[in-house]
Amino acid sequence: MKTRLIAALLTLVAGAGSTQDMAANQIMRWSEHVGEMTTSMPPATEPTRERLRDTLRFEPWQMLGDLFRDDIVLLMRHGPTDWSYDDPKGVLPTDCSKQRLMTPEGQDQMRDLGILLAGNGIVPGRILVSEWCRNQQTLDALLEGIGLVSPDFATRADIETIPAANLLLSLKGAETVTELRHMIGEWQGSAAGPLLIITHFTNIAELTEFHVYEGEILVLDPDKRSRVLGYLRLKSAAPDVGHFDAANGPR
């Protein structure tokens, strides 16, 4: 297992507390099982931008050490979208004029997610992303956020758009998750960081049997038959009307 040395970036706090108590680049224990990360806003942030208002939660707390391994896989659903509009039948994955897209707020949240990930030393070494426009928007927002912390990231990032990550069994999407499953299982790590895959709710459910919020990340361990170690998501993350009912249960 490859582990990046990031101790200089982090301050671990053993007890629970509130976000008001959290200092820059701090990891704290929010509850018995949940941890929370924050970071300071990068100095290069444009003055017109709102301040970083979110924090990054992960569960279980015991997963903390695994988050900084290079040989994990971060399996992510695209960011928050506008559910007042649905994808019409037969729309092409690359036809952004006719499909459900991310909301402006969702794009800001994914930018904040990028800041929080990079600010705490969780930076992907390789990124695979669906062709769908909302996934490409998610990637762009993440890159913007990561770039505020690591300005050269976009120029050195290993990024590939792959049809295998497209929406499963729908609207000319991927027929199975076999190729994705193989990519996850074969990942052995990179000195640059873990593998990030930006895909869809149905693909993730088929791969893991987990139902995730928009913008949520599952942490998988290929060395343990791709077992789900836990999740990462913004504190503001919430269930969407497309896949969750009013009681927050999966449809």
C-alpha atoms as a PDB file:
ATOM      1  CA  MET A   1       0.000   0.000   0.000  1.00  0.00           C
ATOM      2  CA  LYS A   2       1.278   3.456  -0.912  1.00  0.00           C
ATOM      3  CA  THR A   3       0.614   6.243   1.599  1.00  0.00           C
ATOM      4  CA  ARG A   4       1.246   9.938   0.993  1.00  0.00           C
ATOM      5  CA  LEU A   5       2.851  11.906   3.793  1.00  0.00           C
ATOM      6  CA  ILE A   6       0.539  14.798   4.625  1.00  0.00           C
ATOM      7  CA  ALA A   7       0.984  15.077   8.386  1.00  0.00           C
ATOM      8  CA  ALA A   8       2.210  18.666   8.068  1.00  0.00           C
ATOM      9  CA  LEU A   9      -1.135  19.658   6.582  1.00  0.00           C
ATOM     10  CA  LEU A  10      -3.409  18.177   9.217  1.00  0.00           C
ATOM     11  CA  THR A  11      -4.351  18.705  12.857  1.00  0.00           C
ATOM     12  CA  LEU A  12      -6.299  15.862  14.414  1.00  0.00           C
ATOM     13  CA  VAL A  13      -8.832  16.651  17.120  1.00  0.00           C
ATOM     14  CA  ALA A  14     -10.058  13.688  19.136  1.00  0.00           C
ATOM     15  CA  GLY A  15     -13.335  15.001  20.559  1.00  0.00           C
ATOM     16  CA  ALA A  16     -16.570  16.149  18.954  1.00  0.00           C
ATOM     17  CA  GLY A  17     -17.385  19.818  18.531  1.00  0.00           C
ATOM     18  CA  SER A  18     -18.954  22.347  16.184  1.00  0.00           C
ATOM     19  CA  THR A  19     -17.750  23.717  12.862  1.00  0.00           C
ATOM     20  CA  GLN A  20     -17.153  27.080  14.517  1.00  0.00           C
ATOM     21  CA  ASP A  21     -14.323  25.443  16.457  1.00  0.00           C
ATOM     22  CA  MET A  22     -12.585  24.219  13.338  1.00  0.00           C
ATOM     23  CA  ALA A  23      -9.342  25.822  12.223  1.00  0.00           C
ATOM     24  CA  ALA A  24      -7.764  25.815   8.771  1.00  0.00           C
ATOM     25  CA  ASN A  25      -6.797  22.367   7.446  1.00  0.00           C
ATOM     26  CA  GLN A  26      -8.238  20.641  10.463  1.00  0.00           C
ATOM     27  CA  ILE A  27      -9.752  17.200  10.769  1.00  0.00           C
ATOM     28  CA  MET A  28     -11.980  16.575  13.730  1.00  0.00           C
ATOM     29  CA  ARG A  29     -14.246  13.869  15.044  1.00  0.00           C
ATOM     30  CA  TRP A  30     -17.809  15.112  14.630  1.00  0.00           C
ATOM     31  CA  SER A  31     -19.558  12.182  16.291  1.00  0.00           C
ATOM     32  CA  GLU A  32     -18.756   8.616  17.248  1.00  0.00           C
ATOM     33  CA  HIS A  33     -18.497   7.511  13.631  1.00  0.00           C
ATOM     34  CA  VAL A  34     -18.348  10.716  11.540  1.00  0.00           C
ATOM     35  CA  GLY A  35     -15.323  12.918  10.875  1.00  0.00           C
ATOM     36  CA  GLU A  36     -15.244  16.384   9.344  1.00  0.00           C
ATOM     37  CA  MET A  37     -12.606  18.307   7.385  1.00  0.00           C
ATOM     38  CA  THR A  38     -12.215  21.987   6.741  1.00  0.00           C
ATOM     39  CA  THR A  39      -9.586  24.158   5.075  1.00  0.00           C
ATOM     40  CA  SER A  40      -8.754  27.810   4.629  1.00  0.00           C
ATOM     41  CA  MET A  41      -9.783  29.640   1.470  1.00  0.00           C
ATOM     42  CA  PRO A  42      -6.818  29.848  -0.925  1.00  0.00           C
ATOM     43  CA  PRO A  43      -5.247  33.342  -1.073  1.00  0.00           C
ATOM     44  CA  ALA A  44      -5.602  33.404  -4.878  1.00  0.00           C
ATOM     45  CA  THR A  45      -9.392  33.182  -4.698  1.00  0.00           C
ATOM     46  CA  GLU A  46     -11.099  35.819  -6.797  1.00  0.00           C
ATOM     47  CA  PRO A  47     -12.544  38.615  -4.604  1.00  0.00           C
ATOM     48  CA  THR A  48     -15.906  38.266  -6.354  1.00  0.00           C
ATOM     49  CA  ARG A  49     -16.282  34.683  -5.174  1.00  0.00           C
ATOM     50  CA  GLU A  50     -18.201  33.884  -2.031  1.00  0.00           C
ATOM     51  CA  ARG A  51     -16.181  32.474   0.835  1.00  0.00           C
ATOM     52  CA  LEU A  52     -15.918  28.733   1.309  1.00  0.00           C
ATOM     53  CA  ARG A  53     -18.916  27.901   3.469  1.00  0.00           C
ATOM     54  CA  ASP A  54     -18.953  24.113   3.409  1.00  0.00           C
ATOM     55  CA  THR A  55     -17.095  21.336   5.159  1.00  0.00           C
ATOM     56  CA  LEU A  56     -16.324  17.784   4.092  1.00  0.00           C
ATOM     57  CA  ARG A  57     -17.741  14.888   6.082  1.00  0.00           C
ATOM     58  CA  PHE A  58     -16.576  11.292   6.016  1.00  0.00           C
ATOM     59  CA  GLU A  59     -17.747   8.092   7.624  1.00  0.00           C
ATOM     60  CA  PRO A  60     -16.577   5.988   9.338  1.00  0.00           C
ATOM     61  CA  TRP A  61     -13.992   7.834  11.382  1.00  0.00           C
ATOM     62  CA  GLN A  62     -11.827   4.710  11.269  1.00  0.00           C
ATOM     63  CA  MET A  63     -11.414   5.248   7.503  1.00  0.00           C
ATOM     64  CA  LEU A  64      -9.314   8.381   8.073  1.00  0.00           C
ATOM     65  CA  GLY A  65      -5.964   6.740   7.380  1.00  0.00           C
ATOM     66  CA  ASP A  66      -7.254   5.114   4.199  1.00  0.00           C
ATOM     67  CA  LEU A  67      -8.249   8.475   2.692  1.00  0.00           C
ATOM     68  CA  PHE A  68      -4.605   9.301   2.020  1.00  0.00           C
ATOM     69  CA  ARG A  69      -3.690   6.073   0.289  1.00  0.00           C
ATOM     70  CA  ASP A  70      -2.798   6.187  -3.403  1.00  0.00           C
ATOM     71  CA  ASP A  71      -4.307   2.769  -4.117  1.00  0.00           C
ATOM     72  CA  ILE A  72      -7.928   3.550  -3.210  1.00  0.00           C
ATOM     73  CA  VAL A  73     -10.659   4.378  -5.726  1.00  0.00           C
ATOM     74  CA  LEU A  74     -12.963   7.377  -5.253  1.00  0.00           C
ATOM     75  CA  LEU A  75     -16.264   6.479  -6.911  1.00  0.00           C
ATOM     76  CA  MET A  76     -18.277   9.682  -7.314  1.00  0.00           C
ATOM     77  CA  ARG A  77     -21.742  10.636  -8.519  1.00  0.00           C
ATOM     78  CA  HIS A  78     -21.990  13.891 -10.523  1.00  0.00           C
ATOM     79  CA  GLY A  79     -22.860  17.092  -8.667  1.00  0.00           C
ATOM     80  CA  PRO A  80     -26.332  18.560  -7.894  1.00  0.00           C
ATOM     81  CA  THR A  81     -28.614  18.983 -10.923  1.00  0.00           C
ATOM     82  CA  ASP A  82     -31.861  20.723 -11.853  1.00  0.00           C
ATOM     83  CA  TRP A  83     -34.569  18.099 -11.349  1.00  0.00           C
ATOM     84  CA  SER A  84     -37.259  20.334 -12.854  1.00  0.00           C
ATOM     85  CA  TYR A  85     -35.903  19.130 -16.203  1.00  0.00           C
ATOM     86  CA  ASP A  86     -35.436  15.497 -17.202  1.00  0.00           C
ATOM     87  CA  ASP A  87     -33.413  13.895 -19.967  1.00  0.00           C
ATOM     88  CA  PRO A  88     -35.645  13.350 -23.024  1.00  0.00           C
ATOM     89  CA  LYS A  89     -35.699   9.937 -24.652  1.00  0.00           C
ATOM     90  CA  GLY A  90     -32.851   9.403 -27.091  1.00  0.00           C
ATOM     91  CA  VAL A  91     -30.740  12.419 -26.080  1.00  0.00           C
ATOM     92  CA  LEU A  92     -27.037  11.966 -26.766  1.00  0.00           C
ATOM     93  CA  PRO A  93     -24.671  12.063 -23.765  1.00  0.00           C
ATOM     94  CA  THR A  94     -22.828  15.011 -25.317  1.00  0.00           C
ATOM     95  CA  ASP A  95     -25.937  17.041 -26.248  1.00  0.00           C
ATOM     96  CA  CYS A  96     -25.897  19.579 -23.425  1.00  0.00           C
ATOM     97  CA  SER A  97     -28.832  21.542 -24.863  1.00  0.00           C
ATOM     98  CA  LYS A  98     -31.265  18.688 -24.217  1.00  0.00           C
ATOM     99  CA  GLN A  99     -30.321  17.113 -20.900  1.00  0.00           C
ATOM    100  CA  ARG A 100     -30.504  17.768 -17.176  1.00  0.00           C
ATOM    101  CA  LEU A 101     -27.556  19.898 -16.104  1.00  0.00           C
ATOM    102  CA  MET A 102     -25.990  21.030 -12.867  1.00  0.00           C
ATOM    103  CA  THR A 103     -27.444  24.011 -11.056  1.00  0.00           C
ATOM    104  CA  PRO A 104     -25.255  27.093 -10.480  1.00  0.00           C
ATOM    105  CA  GLU A 105     -25.358  26.296  -6.755  1.00  0.00           C
ATOM    106  CA  GLY A 106     -24.316  22.728  -7.515  1.00  0.00           C
ATOM    107  CA  GLN A 107     -21.345  23.954  -9.523  1.00  0.00           C
ATOM    108  CA  ASP A 108     -20.284  26.169  -6.614  1.00  0.00           C
ATOM    109  CA  GLN A 109     -20.606  23.206  -4.257  1.00  0.00           C
ATOM    110  CA  MET A 110     -18.419  21.025  -6.468  1.00  0.00           C
ATOM    111  CA  ARG A 111     -15.866  23.830  -6.652  1.00  0.00           C
ATOM    112  CA  ASP A 112     -15.892  23.904  -2.838  1.00  0.00           C
ATOM    113  CA  LEU A 113     -15.523  20.126  -2.792  1.00  0.00           C
ATOM    114  CA  GLY A 114     -12.401  20.472  -4.929  1.00  0.00           C
ATOM    115  CA  ILE A 115     -10.974  23.048  -2.521  1.00  0.00           C
ATOM    116  CA  LEU A 116     -11.716  20.865   0.503  1.00  0.00           C
ATOM    117  CA  LEU A 117     -10.247  17.739  -1.063  1.00  0.00           C
ATOM    118  CA  ALA A 118      -7.063  19.413  -2.269  1.00  0.00           C
ATOM    119  CA  GLY A 119      -6.740  21.549   0.869  1.00  0.00           C
ATOM    120  CA  ASN A 120      -6.656  18.372   2.931  1.00  0.00           C
ATOM    121  CA  GLY A 121      -4.265  16.499   0.650  1.00  0.00           C
ATOM    122  CA  ILE A 122      -6.788  14.238  -1.112  1.00  0.00           C
ATOM    123  CA  VAL A 123      -5.901  14.823  -4.762  1.00  0.00           C
ATOM    124  CA  PRO A 124      -6.596  12.252  -7.503  1.00  0.00           C
ATOM    125  CA  GLY A 125      -3.736  10.948  -9.598  1.00  0.00           C
ATOM    126  CA  ARG A 126      -6.062   9.807 -12.377  1.00  0.00           C
ATOM    127  CA  ILE A 127      -9.621  10.879 -13.262  1.00  0.00           C
ATOM    128  CA  LEU A 128     -12.112   8.934 -15.395  1.00  0.00           C
ATOM    129  CA  VAL A 129     -15.369  10.704 -16.241  1.00  0.00           C
ATOM    130  CA  SER A 130     -18.649   9.989 -18.040  1.00  0.00           C
ATOM    131  CA  GLU A 131     -19.398  11.753 -21.328  1.00  0.00           C
ATOM    132  CA  TRP A 132     -22.620  13.219 -19.906  1.00  0.00           C
ATOM    133  CA  CYS A 133     -22.637  16.997 -19.604  1.00  0.00           C
ATOM    134  CA  ARG A 134     -23.445  17.077 -15.878  1.00  0.00           C
ATOM    135  CA  ASN A 135     -20.424  14.863 -15.238  1.00  0.00           C
ATOM    136  CA  GLN A 136     -18.212  17.091 -17.369  1.00  0.00           C
ATOM    137  CA  GLN A 137     -19.550  20.107 -15.442  1.00  0.00           C
ATOM    138  CA  THR A 138     -18.700  18.319 -12.198  1.00  0.00           C
ATOM    139  CA  LEU A 139     -15.171  17.720 -13.431  1.00  0.00           C
ATOM    140  CA  ASP A 140     -14.742  21.369 -14.465  1.00  0.00           C
ATOM    141  CA  ALA A 141     -15.941  22.621 -11.079  1.00  0.00           C
ATOM    142  CA  LEU A 142     -13.685  20.192  -9.195  1.00  0.00           C
ATOM    143  CA  LEU A 143     -10.706  21.224 -11.309  1.00  0.00           C
ATOM    144  CA  GLU A 144     -11.437  24.876 -10.574  1.00  0.00           C
ATOM    145  CA  GLY A 145     -11.492  24.196  -6.840  1.00  0.00           C
ATOM    146  CA  ILE A 146      -8.406  21.971  -6.845  1.00  0.00           C
ATOM    147  CA  GLY A 147      -6.641  24.561  -9.007  1.00  0.00           C
ATOM    148  CA  LEU A 148      -7.126  27.225  -6.346  1.00  0.00           C
ATOM    149  CA  VAL A 149      -5.035  25.060  -4.014  1.00  0.00           C
ATOM    150  CA  SER A 150      -2.704  23.502  -6.602  1.00  0.00           C
ATOM    151  CA  PRO A 151      -2.559  25.920  -9.588  1.00  0.00           C
ATOM    152  CA  ASP A 152      -0.676  23.484 -11.842  1.00  0.00           C
ATOM    153  CA  PHE A 153      -3.005  20.534 -11.262  1.00  0.00           C
ATOM    154  CA  ALA A 154      -4.964  20.810 -14.526  1.00  0.00           C
ATOM    155  CA  THR A 155      -1.758  20.816 -16.599  1.00  0.00           C
ATOM    156  CA  ARG A 156      -0.410  17.641 -14.985  1.00  0.00           C
ATOM    157  CA  ALA A 157      -3.666  15.803 -14.302  1.00  0.00           C
ATOM    158  CA  ASP A 158      -4.289  12.458 -16.013  1.00  0.00           C
ATOM    159  CA  ILE A 159      -7.931  12.860 -17.140  1.00  0.00           C
ATOM    160  CA  GLU A 160      -9.907  10.673 -19.548  1.00  0.00           C
ATOM    161  CA  THR A 161     -13.547  10.717 -20.670  1.00  0.00           C
ATOM    162  CA  ILE A 162     -14.797   7.135 -21.028  1.00  0.00           C
ATOM    163  CA  PRO A 163     -18.135   5.768 -22.335  1.00  0.00           C
ATOM    164  CA  ALA A 164     -17.876   2.965 -19.748  1.00  0.00           C
ATOM    165  CA  ALA A 165     -18.791   5.531 -17.074  1.00  0.00           C
ATOM    166  CA  ASN A 166     -21.910   6.674 -18.987  1.00  0.00           C
ATOM    167  CA  LEU A 167     -25.401   6.311 -17.563  1.00  0.00           C
ATOM    168  CA  LEU A 168     -26.168   2.603 -17.171  1.00  0.00           C
ATOM    169  CA  LEU A 169     -28.789   0.955 -19.420  1.00  0.00           C
ATOM    170  CA  SER A 170     -30.439   4.240 -20.328  1.00  0.00           C
ATOM    171  CA  LEU A 171     -30.318   6.774 -23.126  1.00  0.00           C
ATOM    172  CA  LYS A 172     -27.436   5.169 -25.032  1.00  0.00           C
ATOM    173  CA  GLY A 173     -25.494   4.603 -21.848  1.00  0.00           C
ATOM    174  CA  ALA A 174     -23.175   1.799 -20.780  1.00  0.00           C
ATOM    175  CA  GLU A 175     -24.699  -1.663 -21.188  1.00  0.00           C
ATOM    176  CA  THR A 176     -23.029  -3.081 -18.074  1.00  0.00           C
ATOM    177  CA  VAL A 177     -20.625  -1.995 -15.352  1.00  0.00           C
ATOM    178  CA  THR A 178     -18.227  -4.812 -16.202  1.00  0.00           C
ATOM    179  CA  GLU A 179     -15.582  -2.484 -17.637  1.00  0.00           C
ATOM    180  CA  LEU A 180     -15.837  -0.092 -14.701  1.00  0.00           C
ATOM    181  CA  ARG A 181     -15.630  -2.992 -12.258  1.00  0.00           C
ATOM    182  CA  HIS A 182     -12.484  -4.201 -13.996  1.00  0.00           C
ATOM    183  CA  MET A 183     -10.894  -0.726 -13.892  1.00  0.00           C
ATOM    184  CA  ILE A 184     -11.594  -0.458 -10.175  1.00  0.00           C
ATOM    185  CA  GLY A 185     -10.300  -3.937  -9.399  1.00  0.00           C
ATOM    186  CA  GLU A 186      -7.107  -3.432 -11.409  1.00  0.00           C
ATOM    187  CA  TRP A 187      -6.174  -0.089  -9.816  1.00  0.00           C
ATOM    188  CA  GLN A 188      -2.865  -0.463  -7.985  1.00  0.00           C
ATOM    189  CA  GLY A 189      -2.183   3.125  -7.109  1.00  0.00           C
ATOM    190  CA  SER A 190      -0.170   6.036  -8.430  1.00  0.00           C
ATOM    191  CA  ALA A 191       2.450   8.230  -6.857  1.00  0.00           C
ATOM    192  CA  ALA A 192       0.259  11.167  -7.928  1.00  0.00           C
ATOM    193  CA  GLY A 193      -2.788   9.995  -5.946  1.00  0.00           C
ATOM    194  CA  PRO A 194      -5.854   7.734  -6.065  1.00  0.00           C
ATOM    195  CA  LEU A 195      -8.229   7.003  -8.940  1.00  0.00           C
ATOM    196  CA  LEU A 196     -11.356   9.188  -9.184  1.00  0.00           C
ATOM    197  CA  ILE A 197     -14.306   7.994 -11.301  1.00  0.00           C
ATOM    198  CA  ILE A 198     -17.164  10.472 -11.908  1.00  0.00           C
ATOM    199  CA  THR A 199     -20.230   8.487 -12.950  1.00  0.00           C
ATOM    200  CA  HIS A 200     -23.966   8.114 -12.168  1.00  0.00           C
ATOM    201  CA  PHE A 201     -26.376   6.922  -9.454  1.00  0.00           C
ATOM    202  CA  THR A 202     -27.393   3.752 -11.285  1.00  0.00           C
ATOM    203  CA  ASN A 203     -23.817   2.740 -12.097  1.00  0.00           C
ATOM    204  CA  ILE A 204     -22.741   3.188  -8.482  1.00  0.00           C
ATOM    205  CA  ALA A 205     -25.770   1.277  -7.187  1.00  0.00           C
ATOM    206  CA  GLU A 206     -25.012  -1.608  -9.550  1.00  0.00           C
ATOM    207  CA  LEU A 207     -21.340  -1.679  -8.557  1.00  0.00           C
ATOM    208  CA  THR A 208     -21.764  -1.313  -4.797  1.00  0.00           C
ATOM    209  CA  GLU A 209     -25.482  -1.597  -3.842  1.00  0.00           C
ATOM    210  CA  PHE A 210     -25.087   1.849  -2.207  1.00  0.00           C
ATOM    211  CA  HIS A 211     -27.447   4.737  -3.023  1.00  0.00           C
ATOM    212  CA  VAL A 212     -25.501   7.992  -3.040  1.00  0.00           C
ATOM    213  CA  TYR A 213     -26.397  11.687  -3.070  1.00  0.00           C
ATOM    214  CA  GLU A 214     -25.374  13.949  -5.931  1.00  0.00           C
ATOM    215  CA  GLY A 215     -21.720  14.866  -5.399  1.00  0.00           C
ATOM    216  CA  GLU A 216     -21.116  12.035  -2.913  1.00  0.00           C
ATOM    217  CA  ILE A 217     -17.969   9.891  -3.098  1.00  0.00           C
ATOM    218  CA  LEU A 218     -17.628   6.256  -2.045  1.00  0.00           C
ATOM    219  CA  VAL A 219     -14.143   5.108  -1.047  1.00  0.00           C
ATOM    220  CA  LEU A 220     -13.302   1.646  -2.433  1.00  0.00           C
ATOM    221  CA  ASP A 221     -10.391  -0.648  -1.684  1.00  0.00           C
ATOM    222  CA  PRO A 222      -9.401  -2.751  -4.734  1.00  0.00           C
ATOM    223  CA  ASP A 223      -7.158  -4.893  -2.521  1.00  0.00           C
ATOM    224  CA  LYS A 224     -10.236  -6.008  -0.579  1.00  0.00           C
ATOM    225  CA  ARG A 225     -12.370  -7.051  -3.555  1.00  0.00           C
ATOM    226  CA  SER A 226     -13.355  -3.406  -4.082  1.00  0.00           C
ATOM    227  CA  ARG A 227     -15.081  -3.225  -0.710  1.00  0.00           C
ATOM    228  CA  VAL A 228     -16.658   0.110   0.210  1.00  0.00           C
ATOM    229  CA  LEU A 229     -14.640   1.550   3.085  1.00  0.00           C
ATOM    230  CA  GLY A 230     -16.912   4.565   3.623  1.00  0.00           C
ATOM    231  CA  TYR A 231     -18.062   7.818   2.066  1.00  0.00           C
ATOM    232  CA  LEU A 232     -17.032  11.441   1.582  1.00  0.00           C
ATOM    233  CA  ARG A 233     -19.625  14.178   0.993  1.00  0.00           C
ATOM    234  CA  LEU A 234     -20.194  17.855   1.670  1.00  0.00           C
ATOM    235  CA  LYS A 235     -22.011  18.737   4.876  1.00  0.00           C
ATOM    236  CA  SER A 236     -24.621  20.454   2.667  1.00  0.00           C
ATOM    237  CA  ALA A 237     -25.257  17.311   0.580  1.00  0.00           C
ATOM    238  CA  ALA A 238     -28.903  16.253   0.502  1.00  0.00           C
ATOM    239  CA  PRO A 239     -31.090  13.592  -1.131  1.00  0.00           C
ATOM    240  CA  ASP A 240     -32.436  14.460  -4.577  1.00  0.00           C
ATOM    241  CA  VAL A 241     -36.043  14.057  -5.685  1.00  0.00           C
ATOM    242  CA  GLY A 242     -35.021  11.834  -8.586  1.00  0.00           C
ATOM    243  CA  HIS A 243     -33.751   8.922  -6.532  1.00  0.00           C
ATOM    244  CA  PHE A 244     -34.915   9.491  -2.946  1.00  0.00           C
ATOM    245  CA  ASP A 245     -38.397   9.859  -1.467  1.00  0.00           C
ATOM    246  CA  ALA A 246     -39.512  12.436   1.110  1.00  0.00           C
ATOM    247  CA  ALA A 247     -38.219  10.243   3.945  1.00  0.00           C
ATOM    248  CA  ASN A 248     -34.736  10.242   2.347  1.00  0.00           C
ATOM    249  CA  GLY A 249     -35.057   6.600   1.358  1.00  0.00           C
ATOM    250  CA  PRO A 250     -33.894   5.356  -2.058  1.00  0.00           C
ATOM    251  CA  ARG A 251     -36.524   4.905  -4.735  1.00  0.00           C
END
